[in-house]
N, C-alpha and C. Protein backbone atom coordinates (compact mmCIF):
# COMPACT_ATOMS: atom_id res chain seq x y z
N MET A 1 92.56 -16.45 -6.32
CA MET A 1 91.31 -16.34 -6.40
C MET A 1 90.39 -15.60 -5.18
N LYS A 2 89.78 -14.86 -6.23
CA LYS A 2 89.20 -14.07 -4.38
C LYS A 2 88.01 -14.61 -3.92
N ASP A 3 89.13 -14.12 -2.44
CA ASP A 3 87.71 -15.13 -1.64
C ASP A 3 85.98 -14.34 -2.01
N LYS A 4 84.55 -15.32 -2.99
CA LYS A 4 83.21 -14.79 -2.76
C LYS A 4 82.18 -14.51 -0.95
N ASN A 5 82.77 -15.13 -0.14
CA ASN A 5 82.16 -15.04 0.94
C ASN A 5 82.92 -13.68 1.41
N HIS A 6 83.81 -12.70 1.93
CA HIS A 6 84.29 -12.25 1.82
C HIS A 6 83.62 -10.45 0.83
N LEU A 7 82.78 -10.27 1.80
CA LEU A 7 82.46 -8.21 1.41
C LEU A 7 83.70 -7.55 1.92
N ILE A 8 83.24 -6.67 0.64
CA ILE A 8 84.38 -5.49 1.24
C ILE A 8 83.81 -4.49 1.17
N ILE A 9 83.14 -3.00 1.31
CA ILE A 9 82.07 -1.96 1.03
C ILE A 9 83.14 -0.45 1.20
N TRP A 10 83.57 0.10 0.37
CA TRP A 10 84.33 2.22 0.34
C TRP A 10 82.87 2.26 0.17
N SER A 11 82.67 3.39 1.06
CA SER A 11 81.46 4.28 0.68
C SER A 11 81.72 5.12 1.46
N ASP A 12 81.11 7.02 1.05
CA ASP A 12 81.29 7.90 2.24
C ASP A 12 80.55 7.48 3.60
N SER A 13 81.26 8.80 4.29
CA SER A 13 80.40 8.30 5.79
C SER A 13 79.49 9.11 6.58
N CYS A 14 78.65 9.44 4.86
CA CYS A 14 77.20 9.99 4.85
C CYS A 14 76.24 9.13 5.97
N ALA A 15 75.85 9.64 6.88
CA ALA A 15 75.17 8.68 8.91
C ALA A 15 74.19 8.41 7.97
N GLY A 16 73.36 9.45 7.60
CA GLY A 16 71.53 8.29 6.47
C GLY A 16 71.63 7.99 5.50
N GLN A 17 72.77 7.47 4.93
CA GLN A 17 72.64 6.49 3.80
C GLN A 17 73.83 5.22 4.25
N ASN A 18 74.75 5.21 5.23
CA ASN A 18 75.44 4.47 5.20
C ASN A 18 76.65 4.54 6.10
N LYS A 19 76.38 4.94 7.13
CA LYS A 19 76.82 4.78 8.44
C LYS A 19 76.53 5.19 9.52
N ASN A 20 75.54 3.16 9.55
CA ASN A 20 73.96 3.70 10.35
C ASN A 20 73.94 2.73 11.31
N PHE A 21 73.47 2.34 12.47
CA PHE A 21 73.16 0.92 12.78
C PHE A 21 72.47 0.14 11.77
N GLN A 22 70.84 0.41 11.13
CA GLN A 22 70.34 0.11 10.35
C GLN A 22 71.51 -0.58 8.75
N MET A 23 72.64 -0.49 8.53
CA MET A 23 73.32 -0.86 7.85
C MET A 23 73.91 -2.08 8.58
N ILE A 24 74.61 -1.71 9.64
CA ILE A 24 74.95 -2.99 9.89
C ILE A 24 74.33 -4.59 10.36
N SER A 25 72.66 -3.43 11.61
CA SER A 25 72.18 -4.69 11.45
C SER A 25 71.92 -5.55 10.25
N PHE A 26 72.26 -5.16 8.97
CA PHE A 26 71.90 -5.44 8.03
C PHE A 26 72.52 -6.42 6.93
N TYR A 27 74.05 -6.13 8.09
CA TYR A 27 75.00 -7.04 7.44
C TYR A 27 75.30 -8.77 8.72
N GLN A 28 74.42 -8.56 9.86
CA GLN A 28 74.18 -8.90 10.70
C GLN A 28 73.13 -10.05 10.22
N TYR A 29 72.57 -9.62 9.29
CA TYR A 29 71.25 -11.15 8.56
C TYR A 29 72.41 -11.37 7.09
N LEU A 30 73.49 -11.08 6.48
CA LEU A 30 73.32 -11.79 6.13
C LEU A 30 74.43 -13.13 6.10
N VAL A 31 75.21 -11.95 7.59
CA VAL A 31 76.17 -13.00 7.86
C VAL A 31 75.64 -14.31 8.00
N LEU A 32 73.85 -13.96 9.46
CA LEU A 32 73.21 -14.72 9.76
C LEU A 32 72.97 -15.65 8.52
N LYS A 33 72.36 -15.59 8.07
CA LYS A 33 72.04 -16.03 5.60
C LYS A 33 73.30 -16.86 5.64
N LYS A 34 74.73 -16.53 6.53
CA LYS A 34 75.69 -17.19 5.57
C LYS A 34 75.76 -15.97 4.03
N LYS A 35 75.16 -15.81 4.03
CA LYS A 35 75.75 -14.98 2.51
C LYS A 35 77.26 -14.72 2.59
N PHE A 36 77.80 -14.39 3.60
CA PHE A 36 79.39 -14.37 3.82
C PHE A 36 79.29 -14.31 4.90
N SER A 37 80.70 -14.88 5.04
CA SER A 37 81.47 -14.98 6.10
C SER A 37 81.90 -13.26 6.73
N VAL A 38 82.62 -12.48 5.83
CA VAL A 38 83.31 -11.83 6.56
C VAL A 38 82.80 -10.01 6.00
N ILE A 39 82.33 -9.72 6.37
CA ILE A 39 81.67 -8.73 6.04
C ILE A 39 82.72 -6.91 6.43
N ASP A 40 82.96 -6.26 5.50
CA ASP A 40 84.52 -5.00 6.30
C ASP A 40 83.73 -3.85 5.27
N HIS A 41 83.18 -2.85 6.13
CA HIS A 41 83.23 -1.69 5.40
C HIS A 41 83.91 -0.82 5.34
N LYS A 42 84.30 0.18 5.05
CA LYS A 42 85.18 0.88 5.26
C LYS A 42 84.77 2.63 4.46
N PHE A 43 85.32 3.51 5.73
CA PHE A 43 85.36 4.65 5.34
C PHE A 43 86.31 5.43 5.27
N PRO A 44 86.58 5.86 4.09
CA PRO A 44 87.64 7.23 3.82
C PRO A 44 87.55 8.92 4.77
N GLN A 45 88.71 8.72 4.82
CA GLN A 45 88.96 10.40 6.23
C GLN A 45 88.15 11.10 4.93
N VAL A 46 87.21 11.80 6.46
CA VAL A 46 86.69 12.86 5.14
C VAL A 46 87.55 14.18 4.93
N GLY A 47 86.98 14.36 4.04
CA GLY A 47 87.74 15.99 3.46
C GLY A 47 88.74 15.02 1.86
N HIS A 48 88.85 13.66 2.16
CA HIS A 48 89.43 12.58 1.25
C HIS A 48 88.84 11.67 0.56
N SER A 49 87.79 11.53 0.28
CA SER A 49 86.64 10.56 0.05
C SER A 49 86.63 10.72 -1.49
N TYR A 50 87.75 10.43 -2.62
CA TYR A 50 87.35 11.08 -4.03
C TYR A 50 87.99 9.57 -4.11
N LEU A 51 86.54 8.18 -4.25
CA LEU A 51 86.60 7.27 -4.82
C LEU A 51 86.11 7.55 -6.36
N ASP A 52 86.44 5.73 -6.77
CA ASP A 52 85.75 5.58 -8.57
C ASP A 52 84.81 6.05 -8.54
N SER A 53 83.71 6.11 -8.15
CA SER A 53 82.63 5.93 -8.08
C SER A 53 82.08 7.81 -8.43
N ASP A 54 83.09 8.30 -8.18
CA ASP A 54 83.15 10.01 -7.74
C ASP A 54 83.90 10.31 -9.52
N ARG A 55 84.42 9.54 -9.90
CA ARG A 55 84.32 10.15 -11.78
C ARG A 55 83.64 9.71 -12.37
N ASP A 56 83.13 7.94 -11.48
CA ASP A 56 81.89 8.48 -12.50
C ASP A 56 80.57 9.16 -12.56
N PHE A 57 80.59 9.91 -11.33
CA PHE A 57 79.64 10.80 -11.92
C PHE A 57 79.85 11.55 -11.69
N GLY A 58 80.73 12.77 -12.41
CA GLY A 58 81.67 13.61 -12.87
C GLY A 58 81.58 12.98 -14.35
N ARG A 59 81.95 12.00 -15.06
CA ARG A 59 81.40 12.35 -16.49
C ARG A 59 79.83 12.21 -16.35
N ILE A 60 78.22 11.43 -15.42
CA ILE A 60 77.13 11.62 -16.10
C ILE A 60 76.98 13.25 -16.54
N GLU A 61 77.59 13.74 -14.48
CA GLU A 61 76.95 15.37 -14.58
C GLU A 61 77.51 16.67 -16.09
N LYS A 62 79.08 15.96 -16.31
CA LYS A 62 78.92 16.45 -17.46
C LYS A 62 77.29 16.67 -18.70
N VAL A 63 77.52 15.49 -18.27
CA VAL A 63 75.76 14.65 -19.50
C VAL A 63 74.94 16.13 -19.08
N LEU A 64 74.72 15.93 -18.30
CA LEU A 64 73.34 15.83 -18.13
C LEU A 64 73.21 17.78 -18.14
N ARG A 65 74.70 18.79 -17.91
CA ARG A 65 74.38 19.67 -17.95
C ARG A 65 74.47 20.45 -19.22
N LYS A 66 74.02 19.45 -20.09
CA LYS A 66 73.66 19.89 -21.69
C LYS A 66 72.88 19.61 -21.80
N HIS A 67 71.77 19.08 -21.17
CA HIS A 67 69.91 19.23 -21.04
C HIS A 67 69.52 19.77 -20.21
N GLU A 68 69.75 20.89 -20.78
CA GLU A 68 68.24 21.66 -20.03
C GLU A 68 67.24 21.68 -18.93
N THR A 69 65.92 21.00 -19.37
CA THR A 69 64.87 20.15 -19.26
C THR A 69 65.18 18.10 -19.34
N ILE A 70 64.78 17.84 -18.32
CA ILE A 70 64.74 16.54 -18.82
C ILE A 70 62.81 16.42 -17.21
N TYR A 71 62.95 15.82 -18.02
CA TYR A 71 60.72 15.63 -17.52
C TYR A 71 61.15 13.79 -16.68
N LEU A 72 61.40 12.89 -16.87
CA LEU A 72 60.88 11.56 -16.65
C LEU A 72 62.38 10.69 -16.13
N PRO A 73 62.43 9.85 -14.94
CA PRO A 73 63.68 8.62 -14.90
C PRO A 73 63.85 8.29 -16.04
N ASP A 74 63.53 7.83 -17.48
CA ASP A 74 64.11 6.86 -17.93
C ASP A 74 64.74 7.69 -19.20
N GLN A 75 65.34 9.23 -18.62
CA GLN A 75 65.24 10.41 -19.89
C GLN A 75 67.27 10.11 -18.95
N TYR A 76 66.93 9.82 -17.27
CA TYR A 76 67.50 10.03 -16.77
C TYR A 76 68.71 8.31 -16.84
N ARG A 77 68.04 7.37 -17.20
CA ARG A 77 68.99 6.05 -16.95
C ARG A 77 69.35 6.66 -18.43
N ASP A 78 68.50 6.62 -19.70
CA ASP A 78 69.54 7.38 -21.02
C ASP A 78 70.81 7.83 -20.70
N LEU A 79 70.79 8.93 -20.23
CA LEU A 79 71.97 9.45 -20.04
C LEU A 79 72.55 8.99 -19.02
N ILE A 80 72.58 8.57 -17.95
CA ILE A 80 73.76 7.72 -16.98
C ILE A 80 74.74 7.18 -18.41
N ARG A 81 73.80 6.29 -19.28
CA ARG A 81 74.25 5.22 -19.87
C ARG A 81 74.93 5.33 -20.68
N SER A 82 74.22 6.86 -21.52
CA SER A 82 75.51 7.55 -22.37
C SER A 82 76.13 8.20 -21.46
N ALA A 83 77.08 8.60 -20.68
CA ALA A 83 78.29 8.85 -20.38
C ALA A 83 79.22 8.77 -20.27
N SER A 84 79.27 6.37 -20.61
CA SER A 84 80.00 5.63 -20.81
C SER A 84 80.20 4.42 -21.70
N ASN A 85 81.03 4.34 -22.28
CA ASN A 85 80.80 3.14 -22.43
C ASN A 85 80.67 1.84 -21.77
N ILE A 86 80.35 1.61 -20.75
CA ILE A 86 80.65 0.55 -19.73
C ILE A 86 79.61 0.93 -18.56
N ASN A 87 79.14 2.08 -19.06
CA ASN A 87 78.27 2.35 -17.69
C ASN A 87 76.57 1.31 -18.12
N HIS A 88 76.27 0.86 -16.65
CA HIS A 88 74.77 -0.16 -16.46
C HIS A 88 73.95 0.03 -15.48
N VAL A 89 72.80 0.38 -15.65
CA VAL A 89 72.31 0.74 -15.88
C VAL A 89 71.13 -0.01 -15.02
N THR A 90 70.24 -0.68 -13.58
CA THR A 90 70.20 -1.81 -13.24
C THR A 90 67.75 -0.65 -12.62
N ASN A 91 67.00 -1.30 -13.14
CA ASN A 91 66.15 -0.43 -12.49
C ASN A 91 66.03 -1.38 -11.26
N MET A 92 65.64 -0.67 -10.35
CA MET A 92 65.73 -1.39 -8.44
C MET A 92 64.66 -0.94 -7.79
N GLU A 93 63.37 -0.96 -8.66
CA GLU A 93 62.01 -0.85 -8.18
C GLU A 93 61.57 -1.26 -7.57
N ASN A 94 61.59 -2.97 -8.50
CA ASN A 94 60.83 -3.89 -8.03
C ASN A 94 62.11 -4.52 -6.85
N HIS A 95 63.34 -4.71 -6.30
CA HIS A 95 63.72 -4.91 -5.53
C HIS A 95 64.19 -4.41 -4.35
N PHE A 96 63.75 -3.30 -3.70
CA PHE A 96 64.25 -2.81 -2.13
C PHE A 96 63.43 -3.63 -1.13
N ARG A 97 64.12 -2.86 -0.05
CA ARG A 97 63.57 -4.32 1.48
C ARG A 97 62.80 -3.94 2.30
N ASP A 98 61.72 -3.99 2.46
CA ASP A 98 60.91 -3.49 4.32
C ASP A 98 62.29 -3.67 5.32
N THR A 99 62.51 -2.56 5.28
CA THR A 99 63.77 -2.68 7.29
C THR A 99 63.58 -2.71 7.89
N ASP A 100 62.15 -1.76 8.61
CA ASP A 100 61.48 -1.15 9.25
C ASP A 100 61.85 -1.59 10.27
N ASN A 101 61.51 -3.49 10.81
CA ASN A 101 61.83 -3.67 11.76
C ASN A 101 62.84 -5.48 11.99
N LEU A 102 63.97 -4.96 11.14
CA LEU A 102 64.87 -5.26 11.45
C LEU A 102 65.43 -5.98 11.95
N GLN A 103 65.79 -4.26 12.87
CA GLN A 103 66.37 -4.69 14.59
C GLN A 103 65.63 -5.64 15.31
N VAL A 104 64.24 -4.79 15.69
CA VAL A 104 63.31 -6.47 16.10
C VAL A 104 63.47 -7.84 16.31
N GLN A 105 63.47 -8.22 14.80
CA GLN A 105 63.49 -9.10 14.31
C GLN A 105 65.33 -10.08 14.84
N LEU A 106 65.91 -9.32 14.70
CA LEU A 106 67.54 -9.29 15.02
C LEU A 106 68.06 -9.63 15.58
N LYS A 107 67.15 -9.11 17.18
CA LYS A 107 67.16 -9.23 18.60
C LYS A 107 68.34 -8.12 18.82
N VAL A 108 68.91 -7.01 17.95
CA VAL A 108 70.10 -6.78 18.54
C VAL A 108 69.20 -4.93 18.13
N THR A 109 70.68 -3.99 19.36
CA THR A 109 70.36 -3.10 19.45
C THR A 109 71.32 -1.94 19.79
N GLN A 110 71.33 -1.21 18.86
CA GLN A 110 72.45 -0.20 19.95
C GLN A 110 72.90 -0.12 20.39
N LYS A 111 74.63 0.22 20.72
CA LYS A 111 75.52 0.28 21.78
C LYS A 111 76.39 1.82 22.19
N LYS A 112 76.02 1.92 23.20
CA LYS A 112 76.69 3.46 22.78
C LYS A 112 78.44 3.18 23.21
N LYS A 113 78.48 1.99 23.81
CA LYS A 113 80.04 1.13 24.36
C LYS A 113 79.88 0.20 23.84
N ASN A 114 81.40 -0.26 23.12
CA ASN A 114 82.02 -1.31 23.17
C ASN A 114 82.73 -2.52 24.51
N GLU A 115 83.42 -3.37 24.48
CA GLU A 115 83.97 -4.67 25.45
C GLU A 115 84.79 -4.20 26.74
N LEU A 116 85.35 -2.80 25.92
CA LEU A 116 86.41 -2.50 27.04
C LEU A 116 85.69 -1.56 27.47
N ASN A 117 83.92 -0.93 27.87
CA ASN A 117 83.04 0.48 28.62
C ASN A 117 83.85 1.65 27.89
N GLU A 118 84.10 1.18 26.75
CA GLU A 118 84.68 3.05 25.95
C GLU A 118 83.58 2.66 25.43
N LYS A 119 82.91 4.02 25.02
CA LYS A 119 82.47 4.97 23.82
C LYS A 119 83.05 5.17 23.07
N ILE A 120 81.79 4.87 22.12
CA ILE A 120 81.98 4.58 20.42
C ILE A 120 81.28 6.00 20.25
N ALA A 121 82.65 5.64 19.24
CA ALA A 121 82.67 7.65 18.34
C ALA A 121 82.13 7.16 16.60
N PHE A 122 80.97 6.78 16.72
CA PHE A 122 80.63 6.02 15.80
C PHE A 122 80.57 7.24 14.68
N ARG A 123 80.30 7.99 14.56
CA ARG A 123 79.38 9.41 13.30
C ARG A 123 81.13 9.07 13.17
N ASP A 124 81.96 9.34 13.71
CA ASP A 124 82.70 10.87 13.96
C ASP A 124 84.26 10.38 13.24
N ARG A 125 84.40 8.66 14.52
CA ARG A 125 85.66 8.48 14.54
C ARG A 125 86.11 6.87 13.58
N ILE A 126 84.76 6.58 13.43
CA ILE A 126 85.09 4.79 12.81
C ILE A 126 85.31 4.99 11.06
N LYS A 127 86.14 3.92 10.79
CA LYS A 127 86.58 4.30 9.26
C LYS A 127 87.36 2.69 9.55
N TRP A 128 86.88 1.50 9.92
CA TRP A 128 86.32 0.48 9.35
C TRP A 128 85.79 -0.62 10.59
N ILE A 129 84.18 -1.07 8.77
CA ILE A 129 83.40 -1.23 10.22
C ILE A 129 83.10 -3.22 10.02
N ARG A 130 83.38 -4.53 11.07
CA ARG A 130 83.45 -5.69 10.42
C ARG A 130 82.97 -6.42 11.09
N VAL A 131 82.12 -7.19 9.85
CA VAL A 131 81.23 -7.97 10.90
C VAL A 131 81.28 -9.28 10.72
N GLN A 132 81.52 -10.48 11.16
CA GLN A 132 81.77 -12.01 11.36
C GLN A 132 81.52 -12.75 12.07
N GLU A 133 80.57 -12.10 12.47
CA GLU A 133 79.72 -13.36 13.49
C GLU A 133 78.29 -12.49 14.03
N PHE A 134 76.88 -13.03 14.20
CA PHE A 134 76.28 -12.27 13.84
C PHE A 134 76.54 -12.57 15.76
N GLY A 135 75.52 -11.22 16.11
CA GLY A 135 75.86 -10.92 16.80
C GLY A 135 76.46 -9.61 18.26
N SER A 136 77.84 -9.45 16.82
CA SER A 136 78.54 -8.15 17.64
C SER A 136 79.97 -7.35 16.06
N TYR A 137 79.72 -6.90 16.44
CA TYR A 137 80.62 -6.08 15.10
C TYR A 137 81.41 -5.81 15.30
N PHE A 138 82.51 -5.29 14.81
CA PHE A 138 84.80 -4.72 15.27
C PHE A 138 84.19 -3.33 14.72
N TYR A 139 85.48 -2.71 14.83
CA TYR A 139 85.60 -1.01 14.31
C TYR A 139 86.72 -1.58 15.08
N LYS A 140 87.45 -0.30 14.01
CA LYS A 140 88.69 0.38 14.87
C LYS A 140 88.46 1.95 13.68
N ASP A 141 89.81 2.74 13.89
CA ASP A 141 89.77 3.85 13.46
C ASP A 141 90.68 4.13 13.12
N ASN A 142 91.22 3.69 12.50
CA ASN A 142 92.13 3.35 10.71
C ASN A 142 92.40 2.37 9.80
N TYR A 143 93.00 2.64 8.99
CA TYR A 143 93.12 1.33 8.47
C TYR A 143 94.00 0.53 8.20
N ASP A 144 94.35 0.67 9.25
CA ASP A 144 96.10 -0.33 9.75
C ASP A 144 95.73 -1.28 9.69
N PRO A 145 95.98 -2.63 9.09
CA PRO A 145 95.83 -4.00 9.72
C PRO A 145 96.21 -4.71 10.43
N ASN A 146 97.45 -4.78 11.09
CA ASN A 146 97.65 -4.75 12.18
C ASN A 146 97.77 -3.92 13.51
N THR A 147 96.59 -2.61 13.50
CA THR A 147 96.08 -2.47 14.09
C THR A 147 94.77 -3.00 15.09
N PRO A 148 94.53 -3.90 15.85
CA PRO A 148 93.38 -4.17 16.71
C PRO A 148 92.03 -4.07 16.43
N PHE A 149 90.97 -4.83 15.86
CA PHE A 149 89.80 -4.53 16.41
C PHE A 149 89.09 -3.91 17.62
N LYS A 150 88.13 -3.20 18.09
CA LYS A 150 87.09 -3.78 19.18
C LYS A 150 86.35 -3.81 19.14
N LYS A 151 85.57 -5.28 19.75
CA LYS A 151 84.43 -5.09 19.15
C LYS A 151 83.13 -4.51 20.61
N VAL A 152 81.87 -4.75 19.75
CA VAL A 152 80.90 -4.46 20.47
C VAL A 152 79.67 -5.70 20.10
N SER A 153 79.50 -5.97 21.35
CA SER A 153 78.26 -7.03 21.52
C SER A 153 76.96 -6.19 21.39
N ILE A 154 75.75 -7.03 20.37
CA ILE A 154 74.47 -5.84 20.42
C ILE A 154 73.40 -6.51 20.21
N LEU A 155 73.67 -7.10 20.93
CA LEU A 155 72.29 -8.64 21.59
C LEU A 155 72.03 -7.47 22.69
N GLN A 156 70.48 -7.37 22.33
CA GLN A 156 69.42 -7.51 23.59
C GLN A 156 69.79 -8.15 25.13
N ASN A 157 69.74 -8.49 24.97
CA ASN A 157 70.72 -9.23 26.04
C ASN A 157 72.06 -9.84 26.16
N LYS A 158 72.87 -9.63 27.84
CA LYS A 158 73.97 -10.10 28.57
C LYS A 158 73.95 -11.27 28.26
N GLN A 159 73.44 -12.75 27.95
CA GLN A 159 73.08 -14.11 27.86
C GLN A 159 72.94 -14.02 25.87
N ARG A 160 73.18 -15.17 25.15
CA ARG A 160 73.20 -15.46 24.24
C ARG A 160 71.80 -15.61 24.20
N LEU A 161 71.10 -14.81 22.49
CA LEU A 161 69.67 -16.05 22.08
C LEU A 161 69.68 -16.96 21.54
N PRO A 162 69.25 -17.97 21.22
CA PRO A 162 69.06 -18.18 20.02
C PRO A 162 69.02 -17.37 18.75
N LEU A 163 69.47 -18.46 18.40
CA LEU A 163 69.50 -17.39 16.69
C LEU A 163 67.93 -17.20 16.24
N PRO A 164 67.87 -16.25 15.41
CA PRO A 164 66.27 -15.63 15.20
C PRO A 164 65.87 -16.50 14.06
N GLU A 165 64.83 -17.16 13.73
CA GLU A 165 64.89 -17.79 12.23
C GLU A 165 63.39 -17.00 12.20
N ASN A 166 63.25 -17.38 10.66
CA ASN A 166 62.58 -17.10 9.59
C ASN A 166 62.09 -15.03 10.06
N VAL A 167 63.18 -14.55 9.45
CA VAL A 167 63.27 -13.16 9.50
C VAL A 167 63.00 -12.82 8.36
N ASP A 168 61.67 -11.49 8.20
CA ASP A 168 60.36 -11.66 7.50
C ASP A 168 61.33 -10.17 6.22
N PHE A 169 62.52 -10.65 5.42
CA PHE A 169 62.97 -9.34 5.25
C PHE A 169 62.53 -9.34 3.92
N ARG A 170 60.72 -8.40 3.86
CA ARG A 170 59.73 -8.56 2.71
C ARG A 170 60.59 -7.88 2.01
N ARG A 171 60.02 -8.13 0.01
CA ARG A 171 60.08 -6.96 -0.84
C ARG A 171 59.41 -5.94 -0.92
N VAL A 172 59.95 -4.84 -1.00
CA VAL A 172 58.11 -3.47 -0.76
C VAL A 172 58.75 -3.51 -2.84
N PHE A 173 56.74 -3.97 -3.02
CA PHE A 173 56.61 -4.14 -4.09
C PHE A 173 55.93 -2.31 -4.52
N ARG A 174 55.50 -2.24 -3.47
CA ARG A 174 53.57 -0.71 -3.97
C ARG A 174 54.79 -0.37 -3.43
N LYS A 175 55.10 1.38 -3.87
CA LYS A 175 55.36 2.66 -4.07
C LYS A 175 55.29 3.58 -3.10
N THR A 176 56.32 3.65 -2.13
CA THR A 176 55.80 4.42 -0.67
C THR A 176 56.05 5.57 -0.62
N GLY A 177 55.42 6.37 0.37
CA GLY A 177 56.20 7.87 0.42
C GLY A 177 55.68 9.16 0.07
N LYS A 178 55.84 10.20 0.98
CA LYS A 178 54.52 11.19 0.36
C LYS A 178 54.79 12.89 -0.03
N LEU A 179 54.79 13.17 -1.06
CA LEU A 179 55.35 13.95 -1.12
C LEU A 179 55.12 16.13 -0.46
N SER A 180 54.07 15.88 0.21
CA SER A 180 53.94 16.34 1.21
C SER A 180 53.58 17.76 0.49
N GLU A 181 54.36 18.86 1.41
CA GLU A 181 54.19 21.14 0.28
C GLU A 181 53.97 20.43 -1.39
N LYS A 182 55.17 19.59 -1.34
CA LYS A 182 55.77 19.90 -2.41
C LYS A 182 54.14 18.84 -3.94
N LYS A 183 53.67 18.57 -2.78
CA LYS A 183 52.18 17.99 -4.65
C LYS A 183 52.08 19.25 -4.73
N VAL A 184 51.09 20.32 -3.96
CA VAL A 184 51.34 21.40 -4.39
C VAL A 184 52.02 22.24 -5.11
N ASP A 185 53.00 22.09 -5.38
CA ASP A 185 54.25 22.39 -6.32
C ASP A 185 54.06 22.11 -7.42
N LEU A 186 54.20 20.64 -7.41
CA LEU A 186 53.64 20.44 -8.59
C LEU A 186 52.13 20.29 -9.77
N GLN A 187 51.52 20.13 -9.15
CA GLN A 187 50.52 20.28 -9.55
C GLN A 187 51.05 22.05 -9.86
N GLN A 188 51.10 22.90 -9.54
CA GLN A 188 51.20 24.01 -10.53
C GLN A 188 52.10 24.14 -11.46
N GLN A 189 53.52 23.56 -11.52
CA GLN A 189 53.36 23.69 -12.63
C GLN A 189 53.49 23.21 -14.30
N MET A 190 51.90 22.30 -13.10
CA MET A 190 52.05 20.73 -14.77
C MET A 190 51.55 21.59 -15.49
N LYS A 191 51.34 23.36 -15.82
CA LYS A 191 50.63 23.85 -17.18
C LYS A 191 51.80 23.48 -17.74
N TYR A 192 53.13 23.73 -16.99
CA TYR A 192 55.00 24.59 -18.01
C TYR A 192 55.52 22.45 -18.31
N ILE A 193 55.05 21.40 -18.11
CA ILE A 193 55.23 20.30 -18.27
C ILE A 193 54.85 19.90 -18.89
N LYS A 194 55.56 19.86 -20.53
CA LYS A 194 55.05 19.39 -22.18
C LYS A 194 53.37 18.29 -21.95
N GLU A 195 53.44 18.48 -23.17
CA GLU A 195 52.10 17.99 -23.40
C GLU A 195 52.60 15.92 -22.85
N ASP A 196 53.57 15.47 -23.51
CA ASP A 196 54.01 13.83 -23.68
C ASP A 196 53.80 13.67 -22.54
N PHE A 197 55.12 14.43 -21.51
CA PHE A 197 55.64 13.97 -20.82
C PHE A 197 54.57 14.01 -19.49
N ARG A 198 53.39 14.52 -18.95
CA ARG A 198 51.71 14.97 -18.10
C ARG A 198 51.88 13.30 -18.10
N TRP A 199 51.74 12.49 -18.49
CA TRP A 199 50.88 11.81 -18.33
C TRP A 199 51.26 10.55 -16.73
N PHE A 200 53.07 11.05 -16.86
CA PHE A 200 53.85 11.12 -15.59
C PHE A 200 53.77 11.44 -15.13
N TYR A 201 52.82 12.16 -14.74
CA TYR A 201 53.21 13.93 -12.93
C TYR A 201 51.45 13.52 -13.23
N GLU A 202 50.65 12.71 -13.65
CA GLU A 202 49.08 12.50 -13.29
C GLU A 202 49.05 11.52 -12.03
N ALA A 203 50.31 10.84 -13.30
CA ALA A 203 50.17 9.03 -12.45
C ALA A 203 50.95 9.15 -10.89
N VAL A 204 50.89 10.26 -10.35
CA VAL A 204 51.67 10.32 -9.95
C VAL A 204 51.30 11.17 -8.57
N LEU A 205 50.39 11.72 -8.87
CA LEU A 205 49.10 12.07 -8.14
C LEU A 205 48.48 11.89 -7.55
N GLY A 206 47.73 11.11 -8.76
CA GLY A 206 46.72 9.84 -8.36
C GLY A 206 47.55 9.01 -7.64
N GLU A 207 48.43 8.51 -7.27
CA GLU A 207 49.07 7.70 -6.49
C GLU A 207 48.98 8.75 -5.24
N GLN A 208 49.39 9.44 -5.27
CA GLN A 208 49.35 9.84 -4.20
C GLN A 208 48.06 10.68 -3.14
N SER A 209 46.68 10.16 -4.15
CA SER A 209 45.68 10.73 -3.37
C SER A 209 45.83 9.70 -2.59
N GLN A 210 45.54 8.32 -3.45
CA GLN A 210 44.84 6.82 -3.47
C GLN A 210 45.78 6.50 -2.15
N GLU A 211 47.01 6.76 -1.95
CA GLU A 211 47.56 7.76 -0.67
C GLU A 211 47.09 7.35 0.79
N GLU A 212 46.59 8.45 0.52
CA GLU A 212 46.40 9.54 1.44
C GLU A 212 44.75 9.26 1.56
N LYS A 213 43.99 8.57 0.42
CA LYS A 213 42.94 7.61 0.94
C LYS A 213 43.45 6.70 1.77
N ARG A 214 43.75 6.20 1.30
CA ARG A 214 44.03 4.30 2.65
C ARG A 214 44.74 4.57 4.31
N ASN A 215 45.30 5.90 3.97
CA ASN A 215 45.63 6.21 5.50
C ASN A 215 44.76 7.41 6.62
N ASN A 216 43.57 8.18 5.91
CA ASN A 216 42.52 8.07 5.86
C ASN A 216 41.09 7.48 6.29
């Protein structure tokens, strides 16, 4: 029987999405809340990172190439679902969480050296990250199960702090973000959009105008 308390993640090493301290902070939260007892995040060798998901993306891209114009996100969802009889699409619009203050609430901070006082080549060399206790993470630069992990303590102070309580990991219900200069481009392209789909882009532009008014 598989251990449901042990989460294993494989992903590429994209620093903006996967290999960053924000993800480690999130794993700290999951361990703190006892969602998992152990979390392992493994990163394939750069240039050899073909994962099972890459095969799925290949099927999806093959389907997308057959459609010259796509106007709505729902059309993408239908095409992704049609790329394979096992594909499932989940609408994540109401599942986003605000992590901006997560590190502050957890009272953790990114460290440049491990407990052996060695510099951590976080983005370039780490192949395996493990979180199994709040306040630290472990890492190694290979996938050998017999190679010992190196530990990094990430509490803000050396002395162990009381465990954080009532961490506000709130759900984001309102759409955020700015189109910036792309707003003008979208306005200029409106005349080329089929009238049946124009309502979607008018709604996007309307939301941007309301956002700008709230920020002014």
